[in-house]
């Protein structure tokens, strides 16, 4: 449904209800394409498989098995809004940045309780 709205200059303009993308919103598709491209240029020790990645209310299912947590963090940090102080957990256990993800792992980035931001 198209609605007519006036812009700040007082002119009518068509409005379809969709909002333009903000300049600082990360492009999820581009990030996933970057991860896919990275997987083709590397040789993970296990075949690629899906890993569920969470941070707060944000989550993704991405084929990153065989990659280290640090590389995955850097690839999705802007998409999932992951802060540098968030600790990585795999399947409920805290792990280091060098932990190699396996198909079916659940990677979650959590801030320590009481931390803001």
Protein backbone atom coordinates (compact mmCIF):
# COMPACT_ATOMS: atom_id res chain seq x y z
CA UNK A 1 0.00 0.00 0.00
CA UNK A 2 1.46 3.35 -1.02
CA UNK A 3 0.93 6.34 1.24
CA UNK A 4 1.60 9.95 0.53
CA UNK A 5 3.78 11.81 2.98
CA UNK A 6 5.23 15.27 2.94
CA UNK A 7 8.97 15.63 3.12
CA UNK A 8 10.50 18.47 5.22
CA UNK A 9 10.25 20.86 2.25
CA UNK A 10 6.47 20.32 2.13
CA UNK A 11 6.46 18.30 -1.13
CA UNK A 12 4.47 15.10 -1.45
CA UNK A 13 6.42 11.89 -1.94
CA UNK A 14 5.44 8.25 -2.35
CA UNK A 15 6.08 6.05 0.65
CA UNK A 16 5.79 2.28 0.42
CA UNK A 17 6.14 1.62 4.14
CA UNK A 18 9.70 0.29 3.98
CA UNK A 19 12.38 2.23 5.78
CA UNK A 20 15.74 2.99 4.18
CA UNK A 21 18.75 1.25 5.65
CA UNK A 22 20.70 3.29 8.17
CA UNK A 23 24.32 3.97 7.28
CA UNK A 24 25.69 2.05 10.28
CA UNK A 25 23.61 -1.12 9.90
CA UNK A 26 25.89 -4.05 9.04
CA UNK A 27 25.11 -6.03 5.92
CA UNK A 28 24.40 -9.59 7.10
CA UNK A 29 24.43 -11.03 3.59
CA UNK A 30 27.83 -9.48 2.88
CA UNK A 31 29.26 -10.82 6.14
CA UNK A 32 27.99 -14.31 5.36
CA UNK A 33 29.41 -14.05 1.84
CA UNK A 34 32.76 -13.02 3.35
CA UNK A 35 32.69 -16.08 5.63
CA UNK A 36 31.85 -18.31 2.67
CA UNK A 37 34.69 -16.81 0.63
CA UNK A 38 37.07 -17.30 3.56
CA UNK A 39 36.08 -20.96 3.80
CA UNK A 40 36.97 -21.51 0.15
CA UNK A 41 40.42 -20.01 0.65
CA UNK A 42 41.26 -22.01 3.74
CA UNK A 43 41.54 -25.65 4.59
CA UNK A 44 39.63 -26.29 7.81
CA UNK A 45 40.59 -29.55 9.48
CA UNK A 46 36.96 -30.74 9.47
CA UNK A 47 34.38 -30.44 6.70
CA UNK A 48 32.31 -27.30 6.89
CA UNK A 49 29.12 -27.68 8.87
CA UNK A 50 26.64 -25.41 10.53
CA UNK A 51 27.34 -23.68 13.84
CA UNK A 52 24.65 -21.76 15.71
CA UNK A 53 26.03 -18.39 16.89
CA UNK A 54 24.30 -16.21 19.50
CA UNK A 55 24.87 -12.92 21.25
CA UNK A 56 22.01 -11.55 23.30
CA UNK A 57 18.84 -11.56 21.20
CA UNK A 58 20.82 -11.90 17.94
CA UNK A 59 21.63 -15.26 16.37
CA UNK A 60 22.78 -16.88 13.13
CA UNK A 61 23.27 -20.36 11.74
CA UNK A 62 26.43 -20.29 9.64
CA UNK A 63 28.63 -22.91 7.95
CA UNK A 64 31.83 -22.20 9.87
CA UNK A 65 32.78 -25.60 11.32
CA UNK A 66 36.56 -25.96 11.15
CA UNK A 67 37.20 -22.27 11.83
CA UNK A 68 38.57 -20.86 15.06
CA UNK A 69 36.33 -18.84 17.38
CA UNK A 70 38.49 -15.70 16.96
CA UNK A 71 38.10 -15.69 13.17
CA UNK A 72 34.35 -16.22 13.40
CA UNK A 73 34.04 -13.48 16.06
CA UNK A 74 35.82 -10.99 13.79
CA UNK A 75 33.59 -11.94 10.87
CA UNK A 76 30.24 -11.58 12.66
CA UNK A 77 30.95 -9.05 15.42
CA UNK A 78 29.28 -6.13 13.64
CA UNK A 79 26.30 -8.23 12.51
CA UNK A 80 25.61 -9.59 15.99
CA UNK A 81 26.87 -6.48 17.84
CA UNK A 82 29.49 -8.46 19.78
CA UNK A 83 31.62 -6.36 22.11
CA UNK A 84 35.30 -7.05 22.69
CA UNK A 85 34.57 -7.92 26.33
CA UNK A 86 32.11 -10.73 25.45
CA UNK A 87 33.47 -14.17 26.34
CA UNK A 88 33.00 -17.10 23.93
CA UNK A 89 31.20 -20.23 25.10
CA UNK A 90 30.76 -23.40 23.04
CA UNK A 91 28.03 -25.80 24.12
CA UNK A 92 27.93 -24.07 27.52
CA UNK A 93 31.68 -24.19 28.23
CA UNK A 94 33.93 -21.14 28.07
CA UNK A 95 36.56 -21.51 25.34
CA UNK A 96 39.47 -19.51 23.99
CA UNK A 97 39.70 -17.65 20.68
CA UNK A 98 41.75 -20.54 19.25
CA UNK A 99 39.03 -23.16 19.82
CA UNK A 100 38.17 -24.89 16.51
CA UNK A 101 34.42 -25.10 15.92
CA UNK A 102 32.75 -28.37 14.95
CA UNK A 103 29.51 -28.99 13.04
CA UNK A 104 26.56 -28.71 15.42
CA UNK A 105 28.39 -26.55 17.98
CA UNK A 106 26.51 -23.72 19.62
CA UNK A 107 28.76 -20.66 19.97
CA UNK A 108 27.52 -17.97 22.32
CA UNK A 109 29.19 -14.69 23.22
CA UNK A 110 28.27 -13.46 26.71
CA UNK A 111 29.27 -10.50 28.81
CA UNK A 112 30.01 -11.04 32.46
CA UNK A 113 27.06 -10.22 34.64
CA UNK A 114 26.89 -6.58 35.66
CA UNK A 115 28.76 -5.25 32.60
CA UNK A 116 27.18 -2.61 30.43
CA UNK A 117 27.59 -2.17 26.70
